[in-house]
């Protein structure tokens, strides 16, 4: 267990101090015991319906254009953080962005599943085991859409942030459902902005990521995987030929247009963002 973890943890029931044992954390005030699984404290049970994610290679030039844009955005934000800053990566999964934090000694990873890459397991809409105002920055990278009770999560995160602390967010918009059945929401930037005053936050950065070629690719993929298999005879083969032509055209457009672009939503010519990048700051 990382030493930085005990510095920010508290009992989620009575807010008492926790002491680490061989197989559990124990609250010195109420006696609550939190099981350790391979050194990872389990404050809440992993959901039965969630299929654990496989570990995938991530990086500035790896994955979908949206994922690559996420990496560039987060790298810029990390560069502005003090190396000693207390950082919590919420929904860290298999450590998609962990390589960006090798120089940050107080980086902690949280998820609702006990992946080997995480430091703590907790559903923050059910329990909050973090000390009040103990964190300098919190990450929500492609996580908010998987949270049913968005406002409960934001309330917990704001409580954990220090005044002036940052909540760094990437959230998809025109992206297919994923990690089903725990994919619940797609928010416009109008909703994301309105969340701020409701939770004592200020919006310090907001950009949309616009990539029409990826949207075209989503449509072609749906055509090939869902529509064409239901067609038969001449219609099926004609459809396959047209889908192939569309795919070649999409590849040509990608070469011509390059990756997508980021713009403030008010300056964008498109109303079809792949997703948004945001930074909230806690007031005070």
C-alpha atoms as a PDB file:
ATOM      1  CA  UNK A   1       0.000   0.000   0.000  1.00  0.00           C
ATOM      2  CA  UNK A   2       1.334   3.433  -0.932  1.00  0.00           C
ATOM      3  CA  UNK A   3       2.175   5.626   2.081  1.00  0.00           C
ATOM      4  CA  UNK A   4       0.313   8.500   0.392  1.00  0.00           C
ATOM      5  CA  UNK A   5      -2.924   6.525   0.612  1.00  0.00           C
ATOM      6  CA  UNK A   6      -3.172   6.440   4.404  1.00  0.00           C
ATOM      7  CA  UNK A   7      -2.405  10.154   4.518  1.00  0.00           C
ATOM      8  CA  UNK A   8      -5.666  10.982   2.745  1.00  0.00           C
ATOM      9  CA  UNK A   9      -7.927   8.121   3.901  1.00  0.00           C
ATOM     10  CA  UNK A  10     -10.355   8.163   6.793  1.00  0.00           C
ATOM     11  CA  UNK A  11     -13.148   5.901   7.994  1.00  0.00           C
ATOM     12  CA  UNK A  12     -16.088   6.328   5.637  1.00  0.00           C
ATOM     13  CA  UNK A  13     -18.539   5.833   8.541  1.00  0.00           C
ATOM     14  CA  UNK A  14     -17.217   7.961  11.406  1.00  0.00           C
ATOM     15  CA  UNK A  15     -14.219   9.782   9.825  1.00  0.00           C
ATOM     16  CA  UNK A  16     -11.869   8.242  12.337  1.00  0.00           C
ATOM     17  CA  UNK A  17      -8.202   7.456  11.652  1.00  0.00           C
ATOM     18  CA  UNK A  18      -7.293   4.155   9.999  1.00  0.00           C
ATOM     19  CA  UNK A  19      -4.509   1.786  10.972  1.00  0.00           C
ATOM     20  CA  UNK A  20      -3.100  -0.745   8.520  1.00  0.00           C
ATOM     21  CA  UNK A  21      -2.900  -4.397   9.489  1.00  0.00           C
ATOM     22  CA  UNK A  22      -1.821  -7.443   7.515  1.00  0.00           C
ATOM     23  CA  UNK A  23      -5.249  -8.090   5.988  1.00  0.00           C
ATOM     24  CA  UNK A  24      -7.348  -5.066   6.830  1.00  0.00           C
ATOM     25  CA  UNK A  25      -7.547  -1.392   7.697  1.00  0.00           C
ATOM     26  CA  UNK A  26      -9.096  -0.734  11.100  1.00  0.00           C
ATOM     27  CA  UNK A  27     -10.762   2.446  12.288  1.00  0.00           C
ATOM     28  CA  UNK A  28      -9.378   3.528  15.655  1.00  0.00           C
ATOM     29  CA  UNK A  29     -12.678   5.187  16.566  1.00  0.00           C
ATOM     30  CA  UNK A  30     -15.513   2.839  15.595  1.00  0.00           C
ATOM     31  CA  UNK A  31     -13.588  -0.375  14.934  1.00  0.00           C
ATOM     32  CA  UNK A  32     -14.738  -0.714  11.314  1.00  0.00           C
ATOM     33  CA  UNK A  33     -12.550  -3.128   9.351  1.00  0.00           C
ATOM     34  CA  UNK A  34     -11.885  -2.682   5.635  1.00  0.00           C
ATOM     35  CA  UNK A  35     -10.633  -5.809   3.885  1.00  0.00           C
ATOM     36  CA  UNK A  36      -7.352  -5.652   1.990  1.00  0.00           C
ATOM     37  CA  UNK A  37      -7.166  -7.684  -1.223  1.00  0.00           C
ATOM     38  CA  UNK A  38      -3.566  -7.936  -2.400  1.00  0.00           C
ATOM     39  CA  UNK A  39      -2.905  -4.768  -0.424  1.00  0.00           C
ATOM     40  CA  UNK A  40      -5.846  -2.898  -1.970  1.00  0.00           C
ATOM     41  CA  UNK A  41      -8.520  -1.675   0.490  1.00  0.00           C
ATOM     42  CA  UNK A  42     -12.066  -2.577  -0.569  1.00  0.00           C
ATOM     43  CA  UNK A  43     -14.467   0.069   0.747  1.00  0.00           C
ATOM     44  CA  UNK A  44     -17.309  -1.132  -1.488  1.00  0.00           C
ATOM     45  CA  UNK A  45     -17.976  -4.450  -3.219  1.00  0.00           C
ATOM     46  CA  UNK A  46     -17.317  -4.604  -6.982  1.00  0.00           C
ATOM     47  CA  UNK A  47     -20.577  -4.660  -8.971  1.00  0.00           C
ATOM     48  CA  UNK A  48     -21.655  -8.080 -10.172  1.00  0.00           C
ATOM     49  CA  UNK A  49     -22.882  -6.846 -13.562  1.00  0.00           C
ATOM     50  CA  UNK A  50     -19.632  -5.200 -14.661  1.00  0.00           C
ATOM     51  CA  UNK A  51     -17.290  -7.142 -16.904  1.00  0.00           C
ATOM     52  CA  UNK A  52     -13.685  -6.276 -15.932  1.00  0.00           C
ATOM     53  CA  UNK A  53     -11.707  -4.439 -18.590  1.00  0.00           C
ATOM     54  CA  UNK A  54      -8.711  -5.886 -20.386  1.00  0.00           C
ATOM     55  CA  UNK A  55      -5.438  -3.979 -20.222  1.00  0.00           C
ATOM     56  CA  UNK A  56      -4.801  -2.083 -23.452  1.00  0.00           C
ATOM     57  CA  UNK A  57      -1.756  -0.190 -24.639  1.00  0.00           C
ATOM     58  CA  UNK A  58      -2.299   3.551 -24.316  1.00  0.00           C
ATOM     59  CA  UNK A  59      -0.207   6.534 -25.296  1.00  0.00           C
ATOM     60  CA  UNK A  60      -0.069   9.793 -27.262  1.00  0.00           C
ATOM     61  CA  UNK A  61      -0.189   7.922 -30.581  1.00  0.00           C
ATOM     62  CA  UNK A  62      -2.077   4.783 -29.570  1.00  0.00           C
ATOM     63  CA  UNK A  63      -5.795   4.030 -29.651  1.00  0.00           C
ATOM     64  CA  UNK A  64      -8.670   5.916 -31.219  1.00  0.00           C
ATOM     65  CA  UNK A  65      -8.240   9.586 -32.169  1.00  0.00           C
ATOM     66  CA  UNK A  66     -10.441  10.467 -29.181  1.00  0.00           C
ATOM     67  CA  UNK A  67      -8.180   8.539 -26.813  1.00  0.00           C
ATOM     68  CA  UNK A  68      -5.104  10.177 -28.299  1.00  0.00           C
ATOM     69  CA  UNK A  69      -6.721  13.594 -27.827  1.00  0.00           C
ATOM     70  CA  UNK A  70      -7.424  12.656 -24.180  1.00  0.00           C
ATOM     71  CA  UNK A  71      -3.754  11.865 -23.683  1.00  0.00           C
ATOM     72  CA  UNK A  72      -2.597  15.198 -25.130  1.00  0.00           C
ATOM     73  CA  UNK A  73      -5.107  17.116 -23.036  1.00  0.00           C
ATOM     74  CA  UNK A  74      -4.181  15.344 -19.810  1.00  0.00           C
ATOM     75  CA  UNK A  75      -0.438  15.648 -20.468  1.00  0.00           C
ATOM     76  CA  UNK A  76      -0.866  19.406 -20.690  1.00  0.00           C
ATOM     77  CA  UNK A  77      -2.824  19.484 -17.429  1.00  0.00           C
ATOM     78  CA  UNK A  78      -0.303  17.264 -15.629  1.00  0.00           C
ATOM     79  CA  UNK A  79       2.486  19.588 -16.686  1.00  0.00           C
ATOM     80  CA  UNK A  80       0.840  22.331 -14.633  1.00  0.00           C
ATOM     81  CA  UNK A  81       0.640  20.220 -11.451  1.00  0.00           C
ATOM     82  CA  UNK A  82       3.253  20.277  -8.707  1.00  0.00           C
ATOM     83  CA  UNK A  83       5.184  16.962  -8.532  1.00  0.00           C
ATOM     84  CA  UNK A  84       4.132  16.715  -4.865  1.00  0.00           C
ATOM     85  CA  UNK A  85       0.447  17.329  -5.581  1.00  0.00           C
ATOM     86  CA  UNK A  86      -2.027  14.809  -4.147  1.00  0.00           C
ATOM     87  CA  UNK A  87      -3.776  13.387  -7.234  1.00  0.00           C
ATOM     88  CA  UNK A  88      -6.634  10.880  -7.393  1.00  0.00           C
ATOM     89  CA  UNK A  89      -7.426   9.120 -10.672  1.00  0.00           C
ATOM     90  CA  UNK A  90     -11.091   8.107 -10.317  1.00  0.00           C
ATOM     91  CA  UNK A  91     -12.130   5.216 -12.559  1.00  0.00           C
ATOM     92  CA  UNK A  92      -8.477   4.565 -13.345  1.00  0.00           C
ATOM     93  CA  UNK A  93      -9.203   1.048 -14.596  1.00  0.00           C
ATOM     94  CA  UNK A  94      -6.106  -0.663 -15.984  1.00  0.00           C
ATOM     95  CA  UNK A  95      -3.936   2.421 -15.622  1.00  0.00           C
ATOM     96  CA  UNK A  96      -4.599   4.017 -19.008  1.00  0.00           C
ATOM     97  CA  UNK A  97      -2.944   7.283 -18.009  1.00  0.00           C
ATOM     98  CA  UNK A  98      -0.618   6.145 -15.227  1.00  0.00           C
ATOM     99  CA  UNK A  99       2.511   6.671 -17.339  1.00  0.00           C
ATOM    100  CA  UNK A 100       1.857  10.415 -17.233  1.00  0.00           C
ATOM    101  CA  UNK A 101       2.364  10.402 -13.454  1.00  0.00           C
ATOM    102  CA  UNK A 102       5.728   8.677 -13.036  1.00  0.00           C
ATOM    103  CA  UNK A 103       7.179  11.899 -11.577  1.00  0.00           C
ATOM    104  CA  UNK A 104       4.262  12.442  -9.178  1.00  0.00           C
ATOM    105  CA  UNK A 105       4.855  10.613  -5.902  1.00  0.00           C
ATOM    106  CA  UNK A 106       1.349  11.236  -4.553  1.00  0.00           C
ATOM    107  CA  UNK A 107      -0.635   9.842  -7.486  1.00  0.00           C
ATOM    108  CA  UNK A 108      -3.358   7.384  -6.451  1.00  0.00           C
ATOM    109  CA  UNK A 109      -5.643   5.260  -8.627  1.00  0.00           C
ATOM    110  CA  UNK A 110      -9.221   4.363  -7.671  1.00  0.00           C
ATOM    111  CA  UNK A 111     -11.761   2.117  -9.339  1.00  0.00           C
ATOM    112  CA  UNK A 112     -14.869   0.125  -8.442  1.00  0.00           C
ATOM    113  CA  UNK A 113     -13.038  -3.061  -9.523  1.00  0.00           C
ATOM    114  CA  UNK A 114      -9.906  -4.427  -7.800  1.00  0.00           C
ATOM    115  CA  UNK A 115      -7.604  -4.187 -10.810  1.00  0.00           C
ATOM    116  CA  UNK A 116      -3.911  -4.788 -10.069  1.00  0.00           C
ATOM    117  CA  UNK A 117      -3.198  -1.215 -11.177  1.00  0.00           C
ATOM    118  CA  UNK A 118      -5.411   0.531  -8.590  1.00  0.00           C
ATOM    119  CA  UNK A 119      -4.657   1.598  -5.028  1.00  0.00           C
ATOM    120  CA  UNK A 120      -8.191   1.650  -3.637  1.00  0.00           C
ATOM    121  CA  UNK A 121     -11.572   0.159  -4.534  1.00  0.00           C
ATOM    122  CA  UNK A 122     -14.568   2.355  -3.802  1.00  0.00           C
ATOM    123  CA  UNK A 123     -17.810   3.507  -5.390  1.00  0.00           C
ATOM    124  CA  UNK A 124     -17.734   7.153  -4.377  1.00  0.00           C
ATOM    125  CA  UNK A 125     -21.495   7.480  -4.802  1.00  0.00           C
ATOM    126  CA  UNK A 126     -21.894   4.958  -1.969  1.00  0.00           C
ATOM    127  CA  UNK A 127     -18.984   5.797   0.342  1.00  0.00           C
ATOM    128  CA  UNK A 128     -16.399   8.539   0.728  1.00  0.00           C
ATOM    129  CA  UNK A 129     -13.304   7.424   2.648  1.00  0.00           C
ATOM    130  CA  UNK A 130     -11.182  10.499   1.856  1.00  0.00           C
ATOM    131  CA  UNK A 131     -10.340  13.299   4.225  1.00  0.00           C
ATOM    132  CA  UNK A 132     -12.034  16.593   3.532  1.00  0.00           C
ATOM    133  CA  UNK A 133      -9.952  18.970   1.390  1.00  0.00           C
ATOM    134  CA  UNK A 134      -7.080  16.478   1.067  1.00  0.00           C
ATOM    135  CA  UNK A 135      -6.561  16.382  -2.724  1.00  0.00           C
ATOM    136  CA  UNK A 136      -5.060  18.871  -5.148  1.00  0.00           C
ATOM    137  CA  UNK A 137      -6.431  17.292  -8.318  1.00  0.00           C
ATOM    138  CA  UNK A 138      -8.940  14.610  -9.289  1.00  0.00           C
ATOM    139  CA  UNK A 139      -9.195  12.965 -12.705  1.00  0.00           C
ATOM    140  CA  UNK A 140     -12.395  11.747 -14.373  1.00  0.00           C
ATOM    141  CA  UNK A 141     -11.119  10.456 -17.703  1.00  0.00           C
ATOM    142  CA  UNK A 142     -13.973   8.818 -19.630  1.00  0.00           C
ATOM    143  CA  UNK A 143     -15.721   7.999 -16.357  1.00  0.00           C
ATOM    144  CA  UNK A 144     -18.639  10.373 -15.835  1.00  0.00           C
ATOM    145  CA  UNK A 145     -20.800   8.665 -18.468  1.00  0.00           C
ATOM    146  CA  UNK A 146     -20.578   5.440 -16.436  1.00  0.00           C
ATOM    147  CA  UNK A 147     -21.922   7.003 -13.225  1.00  0.00           C
ATOM    148  CA  UNK A 148     -25.678   6.837 -12.756  1.00  0.00           C
ATOM    149  CA  UNK A 149     -25.837   9.343  -9.885  1.00  0.00           C
ATOM    150  CA  UNK A 150     -23.676  12.108 -11.315  1.00  0.00           C
ATOM    151  CA  UNK A 151     -24.518  14.651  -8.633  1.00  0.00           C
ATOM    152  CA  UNK A 152     -23.674  12.273  -5.786  1.00  0.00           C
ATOM    153  CA  UNK A 153     -20.262  11.677  -7.319  1.00  0.00           C
ATOM    154  CA  UNK A 154     -19.562  15.371  -7.876  1.00  0.00           C
ATOM    155  CA  UNK A 155     -20.582  16.167  -4.298  1.00  0.00           C
ATOM    156  CA  UNK A 156     -18.081  13.596  -2.979  1.00  0.00           C
ATOM    157  CA  UNK A 157     -15.290  14.836  -5.226  1.00  0.00           C
ATOM    158  CA  UNK A 158     -15.776  18.479  -4.289  1.00  0.00           C
ATOM    159  CA  UNK A 159     -15.634  17.577  -0.604  1.00  0.00           C
ATOM    160  CA  UNK A 160     -12.290  15.855  -1.177  1.00  0.00           C
ATOM    161  CA  UNK A 161     -10.731  18.716  -3.171  1.00  0.00           C
ATOM    162  CA  UNK A 162      -8.737  21.491  -1.563  1.00  0.00           C
ATOM    163  CA  UNK A 163      -9.947  25.042  -2.256  1.00  0.00           C
ATOM    164  CA  UNK A 164      -8.609  25.889  -5.694  1.00  0.00           C
ATOM    165  CA  UNK A 165      -8.163  22.191  -6.484  1.00  0.00           C
ATOM    166  CA  UNK A 166      -8.806  20.915 -10.012  1.00  0.00           C
ATOM    167  CA  UNK A 167     -11.277  18.391 -11.335  1.00  0.00           C
ATOM    168  CA  UNK A 168      -9.954  17.285 -14.738  1.00  0.00           C
ATOM    169  CA  UNK A 169     -12.553  15.679 -16.994  1.00  0.00           C
ATOM    170  CA  UNK A 170     -12.735  13.930 -20.350  1.00  0.00           C
ATOM    171  CA  UNK A 171     -16.209  12.761 -21.334  1.00  0.00           C
ATOM    172  CA  UNK A 172     -17.408  11.366 -24.675  1.00  0.00           C
ATOM    173  CA  UNK A 173     -20.518  12.598 -26.425  1.00  0.00           C
ATOM    174  CA  UNK A 174     -21.000  11.049 -29.888  1.00  0.00           C
ATOM    175  CA  UNK A 175     -19.390   7.730 -29.021  1.00  0.00           C
ATOM    176  CA  UNK A 176     -21.080   4.328 -29.065  1.00  0.00           C
ATOM    177  CA  UNK A 177     -22.176   2.595 -25.875  1.00  0.00           C
ATOM    178  CA  UNK A 178     -19.318   0.828 -24.117  1.00  0.00           C
ATOM    179  CA  UNK A 179     -18.690  -1.071 -20.887  1.00  0.00           C
ATOM    180  CA  UNK A 180     -22.346  -2.039 -20.936  1.00  0.00           C
ATOM    181  CA  UNK A 181     -24.498  -2.276 -18.891  1.00  0.00           C
ATOM    182  CA  UNK A 182     -22.854   0.545 -16.927  1.00  0.00           C
ATOM    183  CA  UNK A 183     -23.022   3.223 -19.612  1.00  0.00           C
ATOM    184  CA  UNK A 184     -25.629   5.747 -18.522  1.00  0.00           C
ATOM    185  CA  UNK A 185     -25.240   9.229 -19.965  1.00  0.00           C
ATOM    186  CA  UNK A 186     -24.033  11.608 -22.658  1.00  0.00           C
ATOM    187  CA  UNK A 187     -23.874  15.254 -21.562  1.00  0.00           C
ATOM    188  CA  UNK A 188     -23.762  18.366 -23.737  1.00  0.00           C
ATOM    189  CA  UNK A 189     -21.408  21.142 -22.705  1.00  0.00           C
ATOM    190  CA  UNK A 190     -24.465  23.109 -21.574  1.00  0.00           C
ATOM    191  CA  UNK A 191     -25.126  20.500 -18.886  1.00  0.00           C
ATOM    192  CA  UNK A 192     -21.462  20.221 -17.932  1.00  0.00           C
ATOM    193  CA  UNK A 193     -21.262  23.981 -17.396  1.00  0.00           C
ATOM    194  CA  UNK A 194     -24.445  24.007 -15.292  1.00  0.00           C
ATOM    195  CA  UNK A 195     -22.998  21.348 -12.980  1.00  0.00           C
ATOM    196  CA  UNK A 196     -20.356  23.825 -11.792  1.00  0.00           C
ATOM    197  CA  UNK A 197     -22.343  26.321  -9.680  1.00  0.00           C
ATOM    198  CA  UNK A 198     -24.481  23.512  -8.279  1.00  0.00           C
ATOM    199  CA  UNK A 199     -21.366  22.011  -6.661  1.00  0.00           C
ATOM    200  CA  UNK A 200     -19.225  25.013  -5.770  1.00  0.00           C
ATOM    201  CA  UNK A 201     -17.083  24.716  -8.879  1.00  0.00           C
ATOM    202  CA  UNK A 202     -15.901  27.110 -11.553  1.00  0.00           C
ATOM    203  CA  UNK A 203     -15.181  26.175 -15.175  1.00  0.00           C
ATOM    204  CA  UNK A 204     -11.595  27.140 -15.954  1.00  0.00           C
ATOM    205  CA  UNK A 205     -11.254  25.233 -19.234  1.00  0.00           C
ATOM    206  CA  UNK A 206     -13.729  23.779 -21.720  1.00  0.00           C
ATOM    207  CA  UNK A 207     -13.071  22.430 -25.196  1.00  0.00           C
ATOM    208  CA  UNK A 208     -14.889  20.135 -27.565  1.00  0.00           C
ATOM    209  CA  UNK A 209     -13.087  17.569 -29.690  1.00  0.00           C
ATOM    210  CA  UNK A 210     -14.456  17.443 -33.233  1.00  0.00           C
ATOM    211  CA  UNK A 211     -13.590  14.564 -35.549  1.00  0.00           C
ATOM    212  CA  UNK A 212     -16.091  13.960 -38.371  1.00  0.00           C
ATOM    213  CA  UNK A 213     -14.044  11.083 -39.780  1.00  0.00           C
ATOM    214  CA  UNK A 214     -14.459   9.121 -36.555  1.00  0.00           C
ATOM    215  CA  UNK A 215     -18.206   9.729 -36.673  1.00  0.00           C
ATOM    216  CA  UNK A 216     -18.215   8.390 -40.223  1.00  0.00           C
ATOM    217  CA  UNK A 217     -16.267   5.354 -39.029  1.00  0.00           C
ATOM    218  CA  UNK A 218     -18.824   4.700 -36.279  1.00  0.00           C
ATOM    219  CA  UNK A 219     -21.571   4.662 -38.902  1.00  0.00           C
ATOM    220  CA  UNK A 220     -19.666   2.325 -41.204  1.00  0.00           C
ATOM    221  CA  UNK A 221     -18.940  -0.026 -38.317  1.00  0.00           C
ATOM    222  CA  UNK A 222     -22.620  -0.147 -37.397  1.00  0.00           C
ATOM    223  CA  UNK A 223     -23.493  -0.836 -41.033  1.00  0.00           C
ATOM    224  CA  UNK A 224     -21.035  -3.727 -41.297  1.00  0.00           C
ATOM    225  CA  UNK A 225     -21.698  -5.308 -37.908  1.00  0.00           C
ATOM    226  CA  UNK A 226     -25.426  -4.768 -37.408  1.00  0.00           C
ATOM    227  CA  UNK A 227     -27.143  -4.011 -40.707  1.00  0.00           C
ATOM    228  CA  UNK A 228     -25.406  -6.069 -43.403  1.00  0.00           C
ATOM    229  CA  UNK A 229     -25.614  -9.425 -41.551  1.00  0.00           C
ATOM    230  CA  UNK A 230     -29.417  -9.101 -41.686  1.00  0.00           C
ATOM    231  CA  UNK A 231     -29.435  -8.609 -45.463  1.00  0.00           C
ATOM    232  CA  UNK A 232     -29.368 -11.441 -47.993  1.00  0.00           C
ATOM    233  CA  UNK A 233     -28.717 -12.109 -51.661  1.00  0.00           C
ATOM    234  CA  UNK A 234     -27.956  -9.269 -54.035  1.00  0.00           C
ATOM    235  CA  UNK A 235     -28.771  -6.621 -51.409  1.00  0.00           C
ATOM    236  CA  UNK A 236     -26.181  -8.086 -49.049  1.00  0.00           C
ATOM    237  CA  UNK A 237     -23.364  -8.140 -51.614  1.00  0.00           C
ATOM    238  CA  UNK A 238     -24.266  -4.698 -52.930  1.00  0.00           C
ATOM    239  CA  UNK A 239     -24.254  -3.384 -49.381  1.00  0.00           C
ATOM    240  CA  UNK A 240     -20.857  -4.940 -48.684  1.00  0.00           C
ATOM    241  CA  UNK A 241     -19.406  -3.304 -51.800  1.00  0.00           C
ATOM    242  CA  UNK A 242     -20.790   0.084 -50.855  1.00  0.00           C
ATOM    243  CA  UNK A 243     -19.571  -0.283 -47.246  1.00  0.00           C
ATOM    244  CA  UNK A 244     -16.080  -1.113 -48.556  1.00  0.00           C
ATOM    245  CA  UNK A 245     -16.183   1.982 -50.761  1.00  0.00           C
ATOM    246  CA  UNK A 246     -17.228   4.089 -47.777  1.00  0.00           C
ATOM    247  CA  UNK A 247     -14.405   2.653 -45.700  1.00  0.00           C
ATOM    248  CA  UNK A 248     -11.850   3.486 -48.390  1.00  0.00           C
ATOM    249  CA  UNK A 249     -13.299   6.997 -48.612  1.00  0.00           C
ATOM    250  CA  UNK A 250     -13.068   7.395 -44.816  1.00  0.00           C
ATOM    251  CA  UNK A 251      -9.397   6.329 -44.896  1.00  0.00           C
ATOM    252  CA  UNK A 252      -8.752   8.891 -47.623  1.00  0.00           C
ATOM    253  CA  UNK A 253     -10.457  11.601 -45.628  1.00  0.00           C
ATOM    254  CA  UNK A 254      -8.379  10.724 -42.565  1.00  0.00           C
ATOM    255  CA  UNK A 255      -5.187  11.105 -44.599  1.00  0.00           C
ATOM    256  CA  UNK A 256      -6.453  14.402 -46.021  1.00  0.00           C
ATOM    257  CA  UNK A 257      -7.910  15.943 -42.866  1.00  0.00           C
ATOM    258  CA  UNK A 258      -5.647  14.413 -40.230  1.00  0.00           C
ATOM    259  CA  UNK A 259      -6.760  14.026 -36.609  1.00  0.00           C
ATOM    260  CA  UNK A 260      -9.701  15.875 -35.160  1.00  0.00           C
ATOM    261  CA  UNK A 261      -9.513  19.363 -33.742  1.00  0.00           C
ATOM    262  CA  UNK A 262     -10.276  20.941 -30.385  1.00  0.00           C
ATOM    263  CA  UNK A 263     -12.220  24.179 -30.094  1.00  0.00           C
ATOM    264  CA  UNK A 264     -14.237  25.984 -27.471  1.00  0.00           C
ATOM    265  CA  UNK A 265     -17.788  24.824 -28.204  1.00  0.00           C
ATOM    266  CA  UNK A 266     -18.921  28.378 -28.954  1.00  0.00           C
ATOM    267  CA  UNK A 267     -16.266  28.732 -31.664  1.00  0.00           C
ATOM    268  CA  UNK A 268     -16.836  25.369 -33.324  1.00  0.00           C
ATOM    269  CA  UNK A 269     -18.596  25.173 -36.681  1.00  0.00           C
ATOM    270  CA  UNK A 270     -19.837  21.675 -35.857  1.00  0.00           C
ATOM    271  CA  UNK A 271     -22.569  20.721 -33.402  1.00  0.00           C
ATOM    272  CA  UNK A 272     -21.325  17.117 -33.365  1.00  0.00           C
ATOM    273  CA  UNK A 273     -18.459  16.791 -30.868  1.00  0.00           C
ATOM    274  CA  UNK A 274     -16.877  13.423 -30.231  1.00  0.00           C
ATOM    275  CA  UNK A 275     -16.471  14.546 -26.639  1.00  0.00           C
ATOM    276  CA  UNK A 276     -15.380  17.270 -24.245  1.00  0.00           C
ATOM    277  CA  UNK A 277     -12.348  18.123 -22.125  1.00  0.00           C
ATOM    278  CA  UNK A 278     -12.935  20.219 -19.033  1.00  0.00           C
ATOM    279  CA  UNK A 279     -11.185  21.558 -15.979  1.00  0.00           C
ATOM    280  CA  UNK A 280     -13.271  22.627 -13.002  1.00  0.00           C
ATOM    281  CA  UNK A 281     -11.773  24.483 -10.051  1.00  0.00           C
ATOM    282  CA  UNK A 282     -13.135  24.348  -6.533  1.00  0.00           C
ATOM    283  CA  UNK A 283     -14.113  27.799  -5.380  1.00  0.00           C
ATOM    284  CA  UNK A 284     -12.460  29.344  -2.386  1.00  0.00           C
END
